[in-house]
C-alpha atoms as a PDB file:
ATOM      1  CA  MET A   1      -6.526  -6.837  32.614  1.00  0.00           C
ATOM      2  CA  LYS A   2      -8.760  -9.895  32.565  1.00  0.00           C
ATOM      3  CA  ILE A   3      -7.337 -12.779  30.546  1.00  0.00           C
ATOM      4  CA  ARG A   4      -9.866 -14.558  28.337  1.00  0.00           C
ATOM      5  CA  LEU A   5      -9.516 -17.887  26.622  1.00  0.00           C
ATOM      6  CA  PHE A   6     -11.535 -17.948  23.399  1.00  0.00           C
ATOM      7  CA  THR A   7     -11.751 -21.626  22.599  1.00  0.00           C
ATOM      8  CA  PRO A   8     -14.686 -23.399  20.970  1.00  0.00           C
ATOM      9  CA  GLY A   9     -17.410 -25.158  22.934  1.00  0.00           C
ATOM     10  CA  PRO A  10     -19.058 -26.748  24.539  1.00  0.00           C
ATOM     11  CA  THR A  11     -21.873 -24.542  23.340  1.00  0.00           C
ATOM     12  CA  PRO A  12     -25.559 -25.033  24.046  1.00  0.00           C
ATOM     13  CA  VAL A  13     -27.437 -25.583  20.792  1.00  0.00           C
ATOM     14  CA  PRO A  14     -31.099 -24.566  20.590  1.00  0.00           C
ATOM     15  CA  GLU A  15     -33.583 -27.362  19.861  1.00  0.00           C
ATOM     16  CA  LYS A  16     -34.668 -25.615  16.634  1.00  0.00           C
ATOM     17  CA  VAL A  17     -31.087 -25.754  15.335  1.00  0.00           C
ATOM     18  CA  MET A  18     -30.684 -29.403  16.314  1.00  0.00           C
ATOM     19  CA  THR A  19     -33.873 -30.242  14.419  1.00  0.00           C
ATOM     20  CA  ARG A  20     -32.666 -28.432  11.275  1.00  0.00           C
ATOM     21  CA  MET A  21     -29.333 -30.242  11.479  1.00  0.00           C
ATOM     22  CA  ALA A  22     -31.255 -33.504  11.103  1.00  0.00           C
ATOM     23  CA  ASP A  23     -32.524 -32.424   7.659  1.00  0.00           C
ATOM     24  CA  PRO A  24     -30.925 -34.036   4.597  1.00  0.00           C
ATOM     25  CA  ILE A  25     -27.787 -32.278   3.362  1.00  0.00           C
ATOM     26  CA  LEU A  26     -28.273 -30.018   0.353  1.00  0.00           C
ATOM     27  CA  HIS A  27     -25.997 -31.335  -2.405  1.00  0.00           C
ATOM     28  CA  HIS A  28     -23.691 -28.726  -3.917  1.00  0.00           C
ATOM     29  CA  ARG A  29     -24.606 -29.662  -7.499  1.00  0.00           C
ATOM     30  CA  THR A  30     -28.328 -28.989  -7.163  1.00  0.00           C
ATOM     31  CA  LYS A  31     -30.168 -25.985  -8.561  1.00  0.00           C
ATOM     32  CA  GLU A  32     -31.344 -25.096  -5.049  1.00  0.00           C
ATOM     33  CA  PHE A  33     -27.750 -24.908  -3.789  1.00  0.00           C
ATOM     34  CA  SER A  34     -26.743 -22.852  -6.817  1.00  0.00           C
ATOM     35  CA  ASN A  35     -29.543 -20.376  -6.125  1.00  0.00           C
ATOM     36  CA  ILE A  36     -28.552 -20.038  -2.463  1.00  0.00           C
ATOM     37  CA  PHE A  37     -24.874 -19.648  -3.378  1.00  0.00           C
ATOM     38  CA  THR A  38     -25.691 -16.907  -5.890  1.00  0.00           C
ATOM     39  CA  GLU A  39     -27.883 -15.095  -3.374  1.00  0.00           C
ATOM     40  CA  VAL A  40     -25.210 -15.278  -0.665  1.00  0.00           C
ATOM     41  CA  SER A  41     -22.561 -14.026  -3.110  1.00  0.00           C
ATOM     42  CA  GLU A  42     -24.705 -11.010  -3.987  1.00  0.00           C
ATOM     43  CA  ILE A  43     -25.349 -10.250  -0.314  1.00  0.00           C
ATOM     44  CA  LEU A  44     -21.604 -10.428   0.389  1.00  0.00           C
ATOM     45  CA  LYS A  45     -20.866  -8.053  -2.507  1.00  0.00           C
ATOM     46  CA  GLU A  46     -23.258  -5.564  -0.962  1.00  0.00           C
ATOM     47  CA  LEU A  47     -21.816  -6.120   2.511  1.00  0.00           C
ATOM     48  CA  PHE A  48     -18.243  -5.570   1.289  1.00  0.00           C
ATOM     49  CA  GLN A  49     -19.359  -2.738  -1.022  1.00  0.00           C
ATOM     50  CA  THR A  50     -17.840  -4.244  -4.155  1.00  0.00           C
ATOM     51  CA  LYS A  51     -18.948  -5.116  -7.658  1.00  0.00           C
ATOM     52  CA  GLU A  52     -16.101  -7.619  -8.007  1.00  0.00           C
ATOM     53  CA  ASP A  53     -16.519 -11.348  -7.473  1.00  0.00           C
ATOM     54  CA  VAL A  54     -16.547 -12.508  -3.865  1.00  0.00           C
ATOM     55  CA  ILE A  55     -14.644 -15.730  -3.310  1.00  0.00           C
ATOM     56  CA  ILE A  56     -16.225 -18.130  -0.832  1.00  0.00           C
ATOM     57  CA  LEU A  57     -13.781 -20.737   0.444  1.00  0.00           C
ATOM     58  CA  THR A  58     -14.951 -23.950   2.056  1.00  0.00           C
ATOM     59  CA  SER A  59     -11.829 -24.357   4.118  1.00  0.00           C
ATOM     60  CA  SER A  60     -10.312 -23.385   7.415  1.00  0.00           C
ATOM     61  CA  GLY A  61      -8.572 -20.079   7.968  1.00  0.00           C
ATOM     62  CA  THR A  62      -5.329 -21.890   7.225  1.00  0.00           C
ATOM     63  CA  GLY A  63      -6.711 -22.984   3.858  1.00  0.00           C
ATOM     64  CA  ALA A  64      -7.733 -19.407   3.093  1.00  0.00           C
ATOM     65  CA  MET A  65      -4.262 -18.114   3.969  1.00  0.00           C
ATOM     66  CA  GLU A  66      -2.651 -20.772   1.779  1.00  0.00           C
ATOM     67  CA  ALA A  67      -4.930 -19.798  -1.119  1.00  0.00           C
ATOM     68  CA  ALA A  68      -4.040 -16.129  -0.665  1.00  0.00           C
ATOM     69  CA  VAL A  69      -0.294 -16.777  -0.581  1.00  0.00           C
ATOM     70  CA  ALA A  70      -0.377 -19.304  -3.427  1.00  0.00           C
ATOM     71  CA  ASN A  71      -2.177 -16.813  -5.664  1.00  0.00           C
ATOM     72  CA  HIS A  72       0.461 -14.139  -5.102  1.00  0.00           C
ATOM     73  CA  LEU A  73       3.425 -16.297  -6.045  1.00  0.00           C
ATOM     74  CA  ASN A  74       4.640 -17.772  -9.289  1.00  0.00           C
ATOM     75  CA  PRO A  75       6.156 -21.235  -9.675  1.00  0.00           C
ATOM     76  CA  GLY A  76       9.755 -21.098  -8.492  1.00  0.00           C
ATOM     77  CA  ASP A  77       9.313 -18.094  -6.165  1.00  0.00           C
END
């Protein structure tokens, strides 16, 4: 069996991506961001085949796990 090490980078980044990364950041309180967020949420609902809300977390995997555990426990558990 071949052992593989899946660690990040360095990764070549295409020039087109580098150019887009130089664009101003889209603020999360703008109408444009809200529209994109809504569109992405709807696409994810379709992808996951659900009509329920899809929760998008802006955190690491550790943050997502903490959110999942914290929402299954009551104070004092």
